[in-house]
Amino acid sequence: MSDWNDHEPIYLQLKNLVLRQIVRGILPEGEAVPSVRQVAAQERINPITVSKAYQMLVDTELLEKRRGLGMFVRPGAQQQALDQERDRFIKQQWPEILTTIAVLGLDPATLLADSTGDSS
């Protein structure tokens, strides 16, 4: 079961969870996603919440509805989701990271070297 945080609506957290699963290939293109009822029961959340998250992914053309069959990951969705995540990282997360680095007085070159295992 997912650990939902109190800082963001659950439907957005669920949308982002599905988006990350598409990026990682956990939900492959052409495959059906778990049904609204299945996710609602598994995660113990309202089916309307799941529907809202899925609808957002339909609106961004990552999922498609197939009448009588359910929701499916669209062809090309993985690259599109990857592009969306990269854009979100660059515009939202990276500025926050840079601010934290500056506030803490850290050296970006040292951080990069430490993260790659380079101890020069």
PDB file of N, CA and C in Angstrom:
ATOM      1  N   MET A   1       0.838  -1.176   0.000  1.00  0.00           N
ATOM      2  CA  MET A   1       0.000   0.000   0.000  1.00  0.00           C
ATOM      3  C   MET A   1       0.884   1.242   0.000  1.00  0.00           C
ATOM      4  N   SER A   2       0.471   2.272  -0.721  1.00  0.00           N
ATOM      5  CA  SER A   2       1.225   3.512  -0.815  1.00  0.00           C
ATOM      6  C   SER A   2       1.087   4.325   0.461  1.00  0.00           C
ATOM      7  N   ASP A   3       2.123   5.081   0.743  1.00  0.00           N
ATOM      8  CA  ASP A   3       2.088   6.007   1.867  1.00  0.00           C
ATOM      9  C   ASP A   3       1.720   7.379   1.322  1.00  0.00           C
ATOM     10  N   TRP A   4       0.501   7.785   1.520  1.00  0.00           N
ATOM     11  CA  TRP A   4       0.033   9.071   1.021  1.00  0.00           C
ATOM     12  C   TRP A   4       0.464  10.170   1.989  1.00  0.00           C
ATOM     13  N   ASN A   5       0.952  11.282   1.439  1.00  0.00           N
ATOM     14  CA  ASN A   5       1.342  12.380   2.318  1.00  0.00           C
ATOM     15  C   ASN A   5       0.217  13.402   2.402  1.00  0.00           C
ATOM     16  N   ASP A   6       0.304  14.264   3.381  1.00  0.00           N
ATOM     17  CA  ASP A   6      -0.737  15.263   3.617  1.00  0.00           C
ATOM     18  C   ASP A   6      -0.458  16.584   2.903  1.00  0.00           C
ATOM     19  N   HIS A   7       0.604  16.646   2.132  1.00  0.00           N
ATOM     20  CA  HIS A   7       1.014  17.901   1.504  1.00  0.00           C
ATOM     21  C   HIS A   7       0.439  18.091   0.103  1.00  0.00           C
ATOM     22  N   GLU A   8      -0.136  17.046  -0.450  1.00  0.00           N
ATOM     23  CA  GLU A   8      -0.628  17.079  -1.832  1.00  0.00           C
ATOM     24  C   GLU A   8      -1.855  16.181  -1.921  1.00  0.00           C
ATOM     25  N   PRO A   9      -2.849  16.576  -2.718  1.00  0.00           N
ATOM     26  CA  PRO A   9      -4.039  15.730  -2.852  1.00  0.00           C
ATOM     27  C   PRO A   9      -3.666  14.316  -3.329  1.00  0.00           C
ATOM     28  N   ILE A  10      -4.400  13.335  -2.836  1.00  0.00           N
ATOM     29  CA  ILE A  10      -4.105  11.942  -3.176  1.00  0.00           C
ATOM     30  C   ILE A  10      -4.206  11.695  -4.678  1.00  0.00           C
ATOM     31  N   TYR A  11      -5.178  12.331  -5.353  1.00  0.00           N
ATOM     32  CA  TYR A  11      -5.291  12.090  -6.796  1.00  0.00           C
ATOM     33  C   TYR A  11      -4.033  12.526  -7.535  1.00  0.00           C
ATOM     34  N   LEU A  12      -3.371  13.611  -7.081  1.00  0.00           N
ATOM     35  CA  LEU A  12      -2.122  14.038  -7.724  1.00  0.00           C
ATOM     36  C   LEU A  12      -0.984  13.068  -7.400  1.00  0.00           C
ATOM     37  N   GLN A  13      -0.960  12.587  -6.171  1.00  0.00           N
ATOM     38  CA  GLN A  13       0.053  11.604  -5.802  1.00  0.00           C
ATOM     39  C   GLN A  13      -0.101  10.325  -6.615  1.00  0.00           C
ATOM     40  N   LEU A  14      -1.344   9.894  -6.796  1.00  0.00           N
ATOM     41  CA  LEU A  14      -1.610   8.695  -7.585  1.00  0.00           C
ATOM     42  C   LEU A  14      -1.244   8.920  -9.049  1.00  0.00           C
ATOM     43  N   LYS A  15      -1.601  10.076  -9.583  1.00  0.00           N
ATOM     44  CA  LYS A  15      -1.244  10.402 -10.971  1.00  0.00           C
ATOM     45  C   LYS A  15       0.263  10.335 -11.150  1.00  0.00           C
ATOM     46  N   ASN A  16       1.004  10.919 -10.215  1.00  0.00           N
ATOM     47  CA  ASN A  16       2.468  10.915 -10.304  1.00  0.00           C
ATOM     48  C   ASN A  16       3.047   9.517 -10.127  1.00  0.00           C
ATOM     49  N   LEU A  17       2.419   8.706  -9.292  1.00  0.00           N
ATOM     50  CA  LEU A  17       2.849   7.314  -9.121  1.00  0.00           C
ATOM     51  C   LEU A  17       2.701   6.551 -10.436  1.00  0.00           C
ATOM     52  N   VAL A  18       1.561   6.671 -11.088  1.00  0.00           N
ATOM     53  CA  VAL A  18       1.330   5.998 -12.360  1.00  0.00           C
ATOM     54  C   VAL A  18       2.292   6.537 -13.419  1.00  0.00           C
ATOM     55  N   LEU A  19       2.518   7.837 -13.420  1.00  0.00           N
ATOM     56  CA  LEU A  19       3.451   8.458 -14.357  1.00  0.00           C
ATOM     57  C   LEU A  19       4.847   7.860 -14.194  1.00  0.00           C
ATOM     58  N   ARG A  20       5.310   7.733 -12.950  1.00  0.00           N
ATOM     59  CA  ARG A  20       6.633   7.130 -12.702  1.00  0.00           C
ATOM     60  C   ARG A  20       6.659   5.662 -13.137  1.00  0.00           C
ATOM     61  N   GLN A  21       5.555   4.942 -12.947  1.00  0.00           N
ATOM     62  CA  GLN A  21       5.499   3.542 -13.381  1.00  0.00           C
ATOM     63  C   GLN A  21       5.581   3.440 -14.903  1.00  0.00           C
ATOM     64  N   ILE A  22       5.016   4.396 -15.601  1.00  0.00           N
ATOM     65  CA  ILE A  22       5.114   4.420 -17.066  1.00  0.00           C
ATOM     66  C   ILE A  22       6.554   4.708 -17.473  1.00  0.00           C
ATOM     67  N   VAL A  23       7.190   5.704 -16.828  1.00  0.00           N
ATOM     68  CA  VAL A  23       8.577   6.062 -17.142  1.00  0.00           C
ATOM     69  C   VAL A  23       9.493   4.855 -16.948  1.00  0.00           C
ATOM     70  N   ARG A  24       9.298   4.129 -15.862  1.00  0.00           N
ATOM     71  CA  ARG A  24      10.167   2.996 -15.540  1.00  0.00           C
ATOM     72  C   ARG A  24       9.819   1.727 -16.312  1.00  0.00           C
ATOM     73  N   GLY A  25       8.730   1.749 -17.061  1.00  0.00           N
ATOM     74  CA  GLY A  25       8.339   0.577 -17.823  1.00  0.00           C
ATOM     75  C   GLY A  25       7.593  -0.455 -17.003  1.00  0.00           C
ATOM     76  N   ILE A  26       7.243  -0.113 -15.763  1.00  0.00           N
ATOM     77  CA  ILE A  26       6.460  -1.019 -14.928  1.00  0.00           C
ATOM     78  C   ILE A  26       5.070  -1.190 -15.537  1.00  0.00           C
ATOM     79  N   LEU A  27       4.559  -0.101 -16.099  1.00  0.00           N
ATOM     80  CA  LEU A  27       3.320  -0.146 -16.888  1.00  0.00           C
ATOM     81  C   LEU A  27       3.715   0.071 -18.344  1.00  0.00           C
ATOM     82  N   PRO A  28       3.916  -1.000 -19.095  1.00  0.00           N
ATOM     83  CA  PRO A  28       4.393  -0.883 -20.477  1.00  0.00           C
ATOM     84  C   PRO A  28       3.325  -0.338 -21.428  1.00  0.00           C
ATOM     85  N   GLU A  29       3.787   0.257 -22.494  1.00  0.00           N
ATOM     86  CA  GLU A  29       2.897   0.766 -23.525  1.00  0.00           C
ATOM     87  C   GLU A  29       2.035  -0.368 -24.071  1.00  0.00           C
ATOM     88  N   GLY A  30       0.759  -0.068 -24.253  1.00  0.00           N
ATOM     89  CA  GLY A  30      -0.179  -1.048 -24.779  1.00  0.00           C
ATOM     90  C   GLY A  30      -0.829  -1.924 -23.720  1.00  0.00           C
ATOM     91  N   GLU A  31      -0.323  -1.875 -22.508  1.00  0.00           N
ATOM     92  CA  GLU A  31      -0.853  -2.698 -21.424  1.00  0.00           C
ATOM     93  C   GLU A  31      -1.986  -1.983 -20.701  1.00  0.00           C
ATOM     94  N   ALA A  32      -2.895  -2.767 -20.160  1.00  0.00           N
ATOM     95  CA  ALA A  32      -3.983  -2.221 -19.351  1.00  0.00           C
ATOM     96  C   ALA A  32      -3.437  -1.807 -17.992  1.00  0.00           C
ATOM     97  N   VAL A  33      -3.969  -0.707 -17.464  1.00  0.00           N
ATOM     98  CA  VAL A  33      -3.636  -0.307 -16.099  1.00  0.00           C
ATOM     99  C   VAL A  33      -4.671  -0.941 -15.175  1.00  0.00           C
ATOM    100  N   PRO A  34      -4.346  -1.107 -13.903  1.00  0.00           N
ATOM    101  CA  PRO A  34      -5.328  -1.688 -12.975  1.00  0.00           C
ATOM    102  C   PRO A  34      -6.625  -0.871 -12.992  1.00  0.00           C
ATOM    103  N   SER A  35      -7.734  -1.547 -12.829  1.00  0.00           N
ATOM    104  CA  SER A  35      -9.035  -0.866 -12.877  1.00  0.00           C
ATOM    105  C   SER A  35      -9.184   0.106 -11.713  1.00  0.00           C
ATOM    106  N   VAL A  36     -10.095   1.043 -11.892  1.00  0.00           N
ATOM    107  CA  VAL A  36     -10.384   2.026 -10.854  1.00  0.00           C
ATOM    108  C   VAL A  36     -10.772   1.317  -9.567  1.00  0.00           C
ATOM    109  N   ARG A  37     -11.663   0.347  -9.675  1.00  0.00           N
ATOM    110  CA  ARG A  37     -12.122  -0.376  -8.479  1.00  0.00           C
ATOM    111  C   ARG A  37     -10.980  -1.126  -7.812  1.00  0.00           C
ATOM    112  N   GLN A  38     -10.144  -1.744  -8.612  1.00  0.00           N
ATOM    113  CA  GLN A  38      -9.019  -2.509  -8.076  1.00  0.00           C
ATOM    114  C   GLN A  38      -8.062  -1.600  -7.305  1.00  0.00           C
ATOM    115  N   VAL A  39      -7.714  -0.460  -7.892  1.00  0.00           N
ATOM    116  CA  VAL A  39      -6.799   0.478  -7.228  1.00  0.00           C
ATOM    117  C   VAL A  39      -7.441   1.046  -5.970  1.00  0.00           C
ATOM    118  N   ALA A  40      -8.720   1.420  -6.068  1.00  0.00           N
ATOM    119  CA  ALA A  40      -9.421   1.981  -4.911  1.00  0.00           C
ATOM    120  C   ALA A  40      -9.432   0.997  -3.744  1.00  0.00           C
ATOM    121  N   ALA A  41      -9.706  -0.261  -4.036  1.00  0.00           N
ATOM    122  CA  ALA A  41      -9.740  -1.276  -2.977  1.00  0.00           C
ATOM    123  C   ALA A  41      -8.342  -1.531  -2.415  1.00  0.00           C
ATOM    124  N   GLN A  42      -7.366  -1.655  -3.294  1.00  0.00           N
ATOM    125  CA  GLN A  42      -5.997  -1.948  -2.869  1.00  0.00           C
ATOM    126  C   GLN A  42      -5.422  -0.810  -2.033  1.00  0.00           C
ATOM    127  N   GLU A  43      -5.661   0.422  -2.461  1.00  0.00           N
ATOM    128  CA  GLU A  43      -5.078   1.582  -1.790  1.00  0.00           C
ATOM    129  C   GLU A  43      -5.986   2.170  -0.708  1.00  0.00           C
ATOM    130  N   ARG A  44      -7.195   1.610  -0.610  1.00  0.00           N
ATOM    131  CA  ARG A  44      -8.178   2.088   0.367  1.00  0.00           C
ATOM    132  C   ARG A  44      -8.480   3.567   0.190  1.00  0.00           C
ATOM    133  N   ILE A  45      -8.751   3.927  -1.066  1.00  0.00           N
ATOM    134  CA  ILE A  45      -9.124   5.298  -1.389  1.00  0.00           C
ATOM    135  C   ILE A  45     -10.421   5.291  -2.194  1.00  0.00           C
ATOM    136  N   ASN A  46     -11.023   6.435  -2.322  1.00  0.00           N
ATOM    137  CA  ASN A  46     -12.289   6.586  -3.021  1.00  0.00           C
ATOM    138  C   ASN A  46     -12.091   6.329  -4.523  1.00  0.00           C
ATOM    139  N   PRO A  47     -12.980   5.581  -5.158  1.00  0.00           N
ATOM    140  CA  PRO A  47     -12.875   5.358  -6.605  1.00  0.00           C
ATOM    141  C   PRO A  47     -12.885   6.662  -7.413  1.00  0.00           C
ATOM    142  N   ILE A  48     -13.557   7.685  -6.904  1.00  0.00           N
ATOM    143  CA  ILE A  48     -13.578   8.973  -7.611  1.00  0.00           C
ATOM    144  C   ILE A  48     -12.171   9.571  -7.642  1.00  0.00           C
ATOM    145  N   THR A  49     -11.415   9.365  -6.584  1.00  0.00           N
ATOM    146  CA  THR A  49     -10.033   9.838  -6.531  1.00  0.00           C
ATOM    147  C   THR A  49      -9.197   9.159  -7.611  1.00  0.00           C
ATOM    148  N   VAL A  50      -9.366   7.856  -7.753  1.00  0.00           N
ATOM    149  CA  VAL A  50      -8.636   7.097  -8.777  1.00  0.00           C
ATOM    150  C   VAL A  50      -9.063   7.571 -10.163  1.00  0.00           C
ATOM    151  N   SER A  51     -10.357   7.737 -10.359  1.00  0.00           N
ATOM    152  CA  SER A  51     -10.867   8.200 -11.659  1.00  0.00           C
ATOM    153  C   SER A  51     -10.293   9.556 -12.032  1.00  0.00           C
ATOM    154  N   LYS A  52     -10.198  10.444 -11.051  1.00  0.00           N
ATOM    155  CA  LYS A  52      -9.655  11.783 -11.310  1.00  0.00           C
ATOM    156  C   LYS A  52      -8.183  11.692 -11.733  1.00  0.00           C
ATOM    157  N   ALA A  53      -7.412  10.865 -11.055  1.00  0.00           N
ATOM    158  CA  ALA A  53      -5.999  10.684 -11.407  1.00  0.00           C
ATOM    159  C   ALA A  53      -5.871  10.111 -12.815  1.00  0.00           C
ATOM    160  N   TYR A  54      -6.656   9.081 -13.109  1.00  0.00           N
ATOM    161  CA  TYR A  54      -6.612   8.467 -14.432  1.00  0.00           C
ATOM    162  C   TYR A  54      -7.048   9.454 -15.509  1.00  0.00           C
ATOM    163  N   GLN A  55      -8.066  10.254 -15.217  1.00  0.00           N
ATOM    164  CA  GLN A  55      -8.543  11.225 -16.208  1.00  0.00           C
ATOM    165  C   GLN A  55      -7.453  12.247 -16.530  1.00  0.00           C
ATOM    166  N   MET A  56      -6.697  12.641 -15.536  1.00  0.00           N
ATOM    167  CA  MET A  56      -5.586  13.566 -15.788  1.00  0.00           C
ATOM    168  C   MET A  56      -4.564  12.936 -16.733  1.00  0.00           C
ATOM    169  N   LEU A  57      -4.329  11.641 -16.597  1.00  0.00           N
ATOM    170  CA  LEU A  57      -3.387  10.947 -17.477  1.00  0.00           C
ATOM    171  C   LEU A  57      -3.969  10.758 -18.874  1.00  0.00           C
ATOM    172  N   VAL A  58      -5.284  10.637 -18.968  1.00  0.00           N
ATOM    173  CA  VAL A  58      -5.945  10.605 -20.282  1.00  0.00           C
ATOM    174  C   VAL A  58      -5.814  11.981 -20.941  1.00  0.00           C
ATOM    175  N   ASP A  59      -6.039  13.030 -20.151  1.00  0.00           N
ATOM    176  CA  ASP A  59      -5.971  14.398 -20.674  1.00  0.00           C
ATOM    177  C   ASP A  59      -4.580  14.738 -21.205  1.00  0.00           C
ATOM    178  N   THR A  60      -3.539  14.159 -20.602  1.00  0.00           N
ATOM    179  CA  THR A  60      -2.175  14.406 -21.071  1.00  0.00           C
ATOM    180  C   THR A  60      -1.737  13.353 -22.094  1.00  0.00           C
ATOM    181  N   GLU A  61      -2.680  12.514 -22.513  1.00  0.00           N
ATOM    182  CA  GLU A  61      -2.490  11.510 -23.566  1.00  0.00           C
ATOM    183  C   GLU A  61      -1.476  10.429 -23.218  1.00  0.00           C
ATOM    184  N   LEU A  62      -1.370  10.118 -21.920  1.00  0.00           N
ATOM    185  CA  LEU A  62      -0.532   8.993 -21.506  1.00  0.00           C
ATOM    186  C   LEU A  62      -1.349   7.710 -21.418  1.00  0.00           C
ATOM    187  N   LEU A  63      -2.620   7.845 -21.063  1.00  0.00           N
ATOM    188  CA  LEU A  63      -3.544   6.716 -21.031  1.00  0.00           C
ATOM    189  C   LEU A  63      -4.648   6.944 -22.043  1.00  0.00           C
ATOM    190  N   GLU A  64      -5.283   5.845 -22.462  1.00  0.00           N
ATOM    191  CA  GLU A  64      -6.447   5.947 -23.337  1.00  0.00           C
ATOM    192  C   GLU A  64      -7.532   5.015 -22.832  1.00  0.00           C
ATOM    193  N   LYS A  65      -8.763   5.466 -22.984  1.00  0.00           N
ATOM    194  CA  LYS A  65      -9.910   4.647 -22.597  1.00  0.00           C
ATOM    195  C   LYS A  65     -10.309   3.786 -23.777  1.00  0.00           C
ATOM    196  N   ARG A  66     -10.553   2.524 -23.508  1.00  0.00           N
ATOM    197  CA  ARG A  66     -11.084   1.627 -24.529  1.00  0.00           C
ATOM    198  C   ARG A  66     -12.410   1.115 -24.003  1.00  0.00           C
ATOM    199  N   ARG A  67     -13.459   1.526 -24.679  1.00  0.00           N
ATOM    200  CA  ARG A  67     -14.813   1.206 -24.229  1.00  0.00           C
ATOM    201  C   ARG A  67     -14.969  -0.288 -23.961  1.00  0.00           C
ATOM    202  N   GLY A  68     -15.411  -0.580 -22.758  1.00  0.00           N
ATOM    203  CA  GLY A  68     -15.657  -1.962 -22.365  1.00  0.00           C
ATOM    204  C   GLY A  68     -14.418  -2.747 -21.971  1.00  0.00           C
ATOM    205  N   LEU A  69     -13.246  -2.149 -22.158  1.00  0.00           N
ATOM    206  CA  LEU A  69     -11.999  -2.856 -21.861  1.00  0.00           C
ATOM    207  C   LEU A  69     -11.207  -2.230 -20.721  1.00  0.00           C
ATOM    208  N   GLY A  70     -11.339  -0.915 -20.531  1.00  0.00           N
ATOM    209  CA  GLY A  70     -10.612  -0.227 -19.472  1.00  0.00           C
ATOM    210  C   GLY A  70      -9.646   0.802 -20.000  1.00  0.00           C
ATOM    211  N   MET A  71      -8.655   1.099 -19.182  1.00  0.00           N
ATOM    212  CA  MET A  71      -7.627   2.099 -19.505  1.00  0.00           C
ATOM    213  C   MET A  71      -6.339   1.394 -19.906  1.00  0.00           C
ATOM    214  N   PHE A  72      -5.681   1.957 -20.903  1.00  0.00           N
ATOM    215  CA  PHE A  72      -4.445   1.385 -21.417  1.00  0.00           C
ATOM    216  C   PHE A  72      -3.384   2.462 -21.561  1.00  0.00           C
ATOM    217  N   VAL A  73      -2.122   2.056 -21.417  1.00  0.00           N
ATOM    218  CA  VAL A  73      -1.002   2.959 -21.636  1.00  0.00           C
ATOM    219  C   VAL A  73      -0.863   3.151 -23.149  1.00  0.00           C
ATOM    220  N   ARG A  74      -0.869   4.401 -23.560  1.00  0.00           N
ATOM    221  CA  ARG A  74      -0.806   4.710 -25.000  1.00  0.00           C
ATOM    222  C   ARG A  74       0.579   4.427 -25.578  1.00  0.00           C
ATOM    223  N   PRO A  75       0.629   4.084 -26.856  1.00  0.00           N
ATOM    224  CA  PRO A  75       1.936   3.967 -27.519  1.00  0.00           C
ATOM    225  C   PRO A  75       2.655   5.319 -27.460  1.00  0.00           C
ATOM    226  N   GLY A  76       3.936   5.302 -27.170  1.00  0.00           N
ATOM    227  CA  GLY A  76       4.728   6.530 -27.053  1.00  0.00           C
ATOM    228  C   GLY A  76       4.632   7.193 -25.686  1.00  0.00           C
ATOM    229  N   ALA A  77       3.855   6.604 -24.788  1.00  0.00           N
ATOM    230  CA  ALA A  77       3.640   7.219 -23.477  1.00  0.00           C
ATOM    231  C   ALA A  77       4.906   7.254 -22.632  1.00  0.00           C
ATOM    232  N   GLN A  78       5.743   6.249 -22.746  1.00  0.00           N
ATOM    233  CA  GLN A  78       6.939   6.217 -21.905  1.00  0.00           C
ATOM    234  C   GLN A  78       7.846   7.407 -22.209  1.00  0.00           C
ATOM    235  N   GLN A  79       8.106   7.674 -23.475  1.00  0.00           N
ATOM    236  CA  GLN A  79       8.965   8.810 -23.833  1.00  0.00           C
ATOM    237  C   GLN A  79       8.295  10.124 -23.454  1.00  0.00           C
ATOM    238  N   GLN A  80       6.993  10.226 -23.695  1.00  0.00           N
ATOM    239  CA  GLN A  80       6.259  11.433 -23.344  1.00  0.00           C
ATOM    240  C   GLN A  80       6.299  11.668 -21.826  1.00  0.00           C
ATOM    241  N   ALA A  81       6.121  10.616 -21.044  1.00  0.00           N
ATOM    242  CA  ALA A  81       6.166  10.723 -19.587  1.00  0.00           C
ATOM    243  C   ALA A  81       7.566  11.108 -19.128  1.00  0.00           C
ATOM    244  N   LEU A  82       8.574  10.531 -19.759  1.00  0.00           N
ATOM    245  CA  LEU A  82       9.961  10.865 -19.429  1.00  0.00           C
ATOM    246  C   LEU A  82      10.225  12.340 -19.706  1.00  0.00           C
ATOM    247  N   ASP A  83       9.759  12.830 -20.841  1.00  0.00           N
ATOM    248  CA  ASP A  83       9.916  14.245 -21.184  1.00  0.00           C
ATOM    249  C   ASP A  83       9.213  15.136 -20.162  1.00  0.00           C
ATOM    250  N   GLN A  84       8.013  14.748 -19.744  1.00  0.00           N
ATOM    251  CA  GLN A  84       7.266  15.515 -18.742  1.00  0.00           C
ATOM    252  C   GLN A  84       8.001  15.544 -17.413  1.00  0.00           C
ATOM    253  N   GLU A  85       8.529  14.402 -17.005  1.00  0.00           N
ATOM    254  CA  GLU A  85       9.248  14.330 -15.737  1.00  0.00           C
ATOM    255  C   GLU A  85      10.536  15.145 -15.772  1.00  0.00           C
ATOM    256  N   ARG A  86      11.246  15.090 -16.888  1.00  0.00           N
ATOM    257  CA  ARG A  86      12.466  15.895 -17.026  1.00  0.00           C
ATOM    258  C   ARG A  86      12.134  17.383 -16.937  1.00  0.00           C
ATOM    259  N   ASP A  87      11.088  17.788 -17.632  1.00  0.00           N
ATOM    260  CA  ASP A  87      10.672  19.188 -17.625  1.00  0.00           C
ATOM    261  C   ASP A  87      10.284  19.630 -16.215  1.00  0.00           C
ATOM    262  N   ARG A  88       9.515  18.779 -15.522  1.00  0.00           N
ATOM    263  CA  ARG A  88       9.101  19.100 -14.155  1.00  0.00           C
ATOM    264  C   ARG A  88      10.317  19.201 -13.233  1.00  0.00           C
ATOM    265  N   PHE A  89      11.286  18.307 -13.388  1.00  0.00           N
ATOM    266  CA  PHE A  89      12.488  18.340 -12.564  1.00  0.00           C
ATOM    267  C   PHE A  89      13.256  19.645 -12.789  1.00  0.00           C
ATOM    268  N   ILE A  90      13.450  19.989 -14.044  1.00  0.00           N
ATOM    269  CA  ILE A  90      14.234  21.185 -14.368  1.00  0.00           C
ATOM    270  C   ILE A  90      13.539  22.465 -13.894  1.00  0.00           C
ATOM    271  N   LYS A  91      12.230  22.512 -14.036  1.00  0.00           N
ATOM    272  CA  LYS A  91      11.501  23.739 -13.687  1.00  0.00           C
ATOM    273  C   LYS A  91      11.132  23.838 -12.211  1.00  0.00           C
ATOM    274  N   GLN A  92      10.903  22.705 -11.535  1.00  0.00           N
ATOM    275  CA  GLN A  92      10.421  22.749 -10.164  1.00  0.00           C
ATOM    276  C   GLN A  92      11.449  22.273  -9.142  1.00  0.00           C
ATOM    277  N   GLN A  93      11.985  21.093  -9.344  1.00  0.00           N
ATOM    278  CA  GLN A  93      12.852  20.505  -8.325  1.00  0.00           C
ATOM    279  C   GLN A  93      14.273  21.079  -8.346  1.00  0.00           C
ATOM    280  N   TRP A  94      14.829  21.256  -9.541  1.00  0.00           N
ATOM    281  CA  TRP A  94      16.214  21.713  -9.648  1.00  0.00           C
ATOM    282  C   TRP A  94      16.427  23.083  -9.001  1.00  0.00           C
ATOM    283  N   PRO A  95      15.559  24.074  -9.223  1.00  0.00           N
ATOM    284  CA  PRO A  95      15.752  25.357  -8.531  1.00  0.00           C
ATOM    285  C   PRO A  95      15.754  25.219  -7.006  1.00  0.00           C
ATOM    286  N   GLU A  96      14.907  24.336  -6.480  1.00  0.00           N
ATOM    287  CA  GLU A  96      14.891  24.104  -5.030  1.00  0.00           C
ATOM    288  C   GLU A  96      16.202  23.467  -4.566  1.00  0.00           C
ATOM    289  N   ILE A  97      16.723  22.548  -5.356  1.00  0.00           N
ATOM    290  CA  ILE A  97      17.988  21.893  -5.023  1.00  0.00           C
ATOM    291  C   ILE A  97      19.124  22.911  -5.034  1.00  0.00           C
ATOM    292  N   LEU A  98      19.149  23.769  -6.061  1.00  0.00           N
ATOM    293  CA  LEU A  98      20.192  24.796  -6.136  1.00  0.00           C
ATOM    294  C   LEU A  98      20.131  25.749  -4.948  1.00  0.00           C
ATOM    295  N   THR A  99      18.916  26.113  -4.552  1.00  0.00           N
ATOM    296  CA  THR A  99      18.750  26.990  -3.393  1.00  0.00           C
ATOM    297  C   THR A  99      19.282  26.311  -2.136  1.00  0.00           C
ATOM    298  N   THR A 100      18.970  25.039  -1.950  1.00  0.00           N
ATOM    299  CA  THR A 100      19.447  24.294  -0.788  1.00  0.00           C
ATOM    300  C   THR A 100      20.966  24.207  -0.792  1.00  0.00           C
ATOM    301  N   ILE A 101      21.553  23.943  -1.935  1.00  0.00           N
ATOM    302  CA  ILE A 101      23.015  23.879  -2.062  1.00  0.00           C
ATOM    303  C   ILE A 101      23.637  25.210  -1.648  1.00  0.00           C
ATOM    304  N   ALA A 102      23.060  26.306  -2.125  1.00  0.00           N
ATOM    305  CA  ALA A 102      23.589  27.634  -1.799  1.00  0.00           C
ATOM    306  C   ALA A 102      23.432  27.948  -0.311  1.00  0.00           C
ATOM    307  N   VAL A 103      22.256  27.668   0.233  1.00  0.00           N
ATOM    308  CA  VAL A 103      21.997  27.952   1.653  1.00  0.00           C
ATOM    309  C   VAL A 103      22.952  27.167   2.554  1.00  0.00           C
ATOM    310  N   LEU A 104      23.216  25.935   2.191  1.00  0.00           N
ATOM    311  CA  LEU A 104      24.095  25.092   3.001  1.00  0.00           C
ATOM    312  C   LEU A 104      25.577  25.337   2.726  1.00  0.00           C
ATOM    313  N   GLY A 105      25.877  26.161   1.723  1.00  0.00           N
ATOM    314  CA  GLY A 105      27.262  26.471   1.403  1.00  0.00           C
ATOM    315  C   GLY A 105      28.025  25.293   0.838  1.00  0.00           C
ATOM    316  N   LEU A 106      27.319  24.453   0.113  1.00  0.00           N
ATOM    317  CA  LEU A 106      27.954  23.274  -0.470  1.00  0.00           C
ATOM    318  C   LEU A 106      28.562  23.602  -1.824  1.00  0.00           C
ATOM    319  N   ASP A 107      29.581  22.839  -2.196  1.00  0.00           N
ATOM    320  CA  ASP A 107      30.228  23.005  -3.493  1.00  0.00           C
ATOM    321  C   ASP A 107      29.620  22.002  -4.482  1.00  0.00           C
ATOM    322  N   PRO A 108      28.945  22.504  -5.541  1.00  0.00           N
ATOM    323  CA  PRO A 108      28.312  21.584  -6.504  1.00  0.00           C
ATOM    324  C   PRO A 108      29.275  20.573  -7.113  1.00  0.00           C
ATOM    325  N   ALA A 109      30.508  20.985  -7.402  1.00  0.00           N
ATOM    326  CA  ALA A 109      31.483  20.061  -8.005  1.00  0.00           C
ATOM    327  C   ALA A 109      31.800  18.912  -7.044  1.00  0.00           C
ATOM    328  N   THR A 110      31.926  19.226  -5.766  1.00  0.00           N
ATOM    329  CA  THR A 110      32.196  18.187  -4.763  1.00  0.00           C
ATOM    330  C   THR A 110      31.015  17.233  -4.651  1.00  0.00           C
ATOM    331  N   LEU A 111      29.810  17.799  -4.660  1.00  0.00           N
ATOM    332  CA  LEU A 111      28.616  16.954  -4.593  1.00  0.00           C
ATOM    333  C   LEU A 111      28.544  16.001  -5.779  1.00  0.00           C
ATOM    334  N   LEU A 112      28.813  16.507  -6.968  1.00  0.00           N
ATOM    335  CA  LEU A 112      28.771  15.661  -8.166  1.00  0.00           C
ATOM    336  C   LEU A 112      29.852  14.592  -8.110  1.00  0.00           C
ATOM    337  N   ALA A 113      31.036  14.974  -7.665  1.00  0.00           N
ATOM    338  CA  ALA A 113      32.117  14.001  -7.568  1.00  0.00           C
ATOM    339  C   ALA A 113      31.787  12.921  -6.542  1.00  0.00           C
ATOM    340  N   ASP A 114      31.212  13.326  -5.404  1.00  0.00           N
ATOM    341  CA  ASP A 114      30.832  12.357  -4.372  1.00  0.00           C
ATOM    342  C   ASP A 114      29.755  11.410  -4.878  1.00  0.00           C
ATOM    343  N   SER A 115      28.836  11.913  -5.677  1.00  0.00           N
ATOM    344  CA  SER A 115      27.734  11.068  -6.145  1.00  0.00           C
ATOM    345  C   SER A 115      28.169  10.079  -7.216  1.00  0.00           C
ATOM    346  N   THR A 116      29.273  10.359  -7.895  1.00  0.00           N
ATOM    347  CA  THR A 116      29.751   9.440  -8.928  1.00  0.00           C
ATOM    348  C   THR A 116      30.864   8.522  -8.425  1.00  0.00           C
ATOM    349  N   GLY A 117      31.234   8.724  -7.151  1.00  0.00           N
ATOM    350  CA  GLY A 117      32.286   7.879  -6.582  1.00  0.00           C
ATOM    351  C   GLY A 117      33.669   8.388  -6.860  1.00  0.00           C
ATOM    352  N   ASP A 118      33.796   9.548  -7.500  1.00  0.00           N
ATOM    353  CA  ASP A 118      35.087  10.159  -7.798  1.00  0.00           C
ATOM    354  C   ASP A 118      35.540  10.921  -6.566  1.00  0.00           C
ATOM    355  N   SER A 119      36.671  10.557  -6.007  1.00  0.00           N
ATOM    356  CA  SER A 119      37.142  11.211  -4.775  1.00  0.00           C
ATOM    357  C   SER A 119      38.321  12.142  -5.042  1.00  0.00           C
ATOM    358  N   SER A 120      38.426  12.685  -6.234  1.00  0.00           N
ATOM    359  CA  SER A 120      39.557  13.562  -6.549  1.00  0.00           C
ATOM    360  C   SER A 120      39.415  14.934  -5.973  1.00  0.00           C
TER     361      SER A 120
END
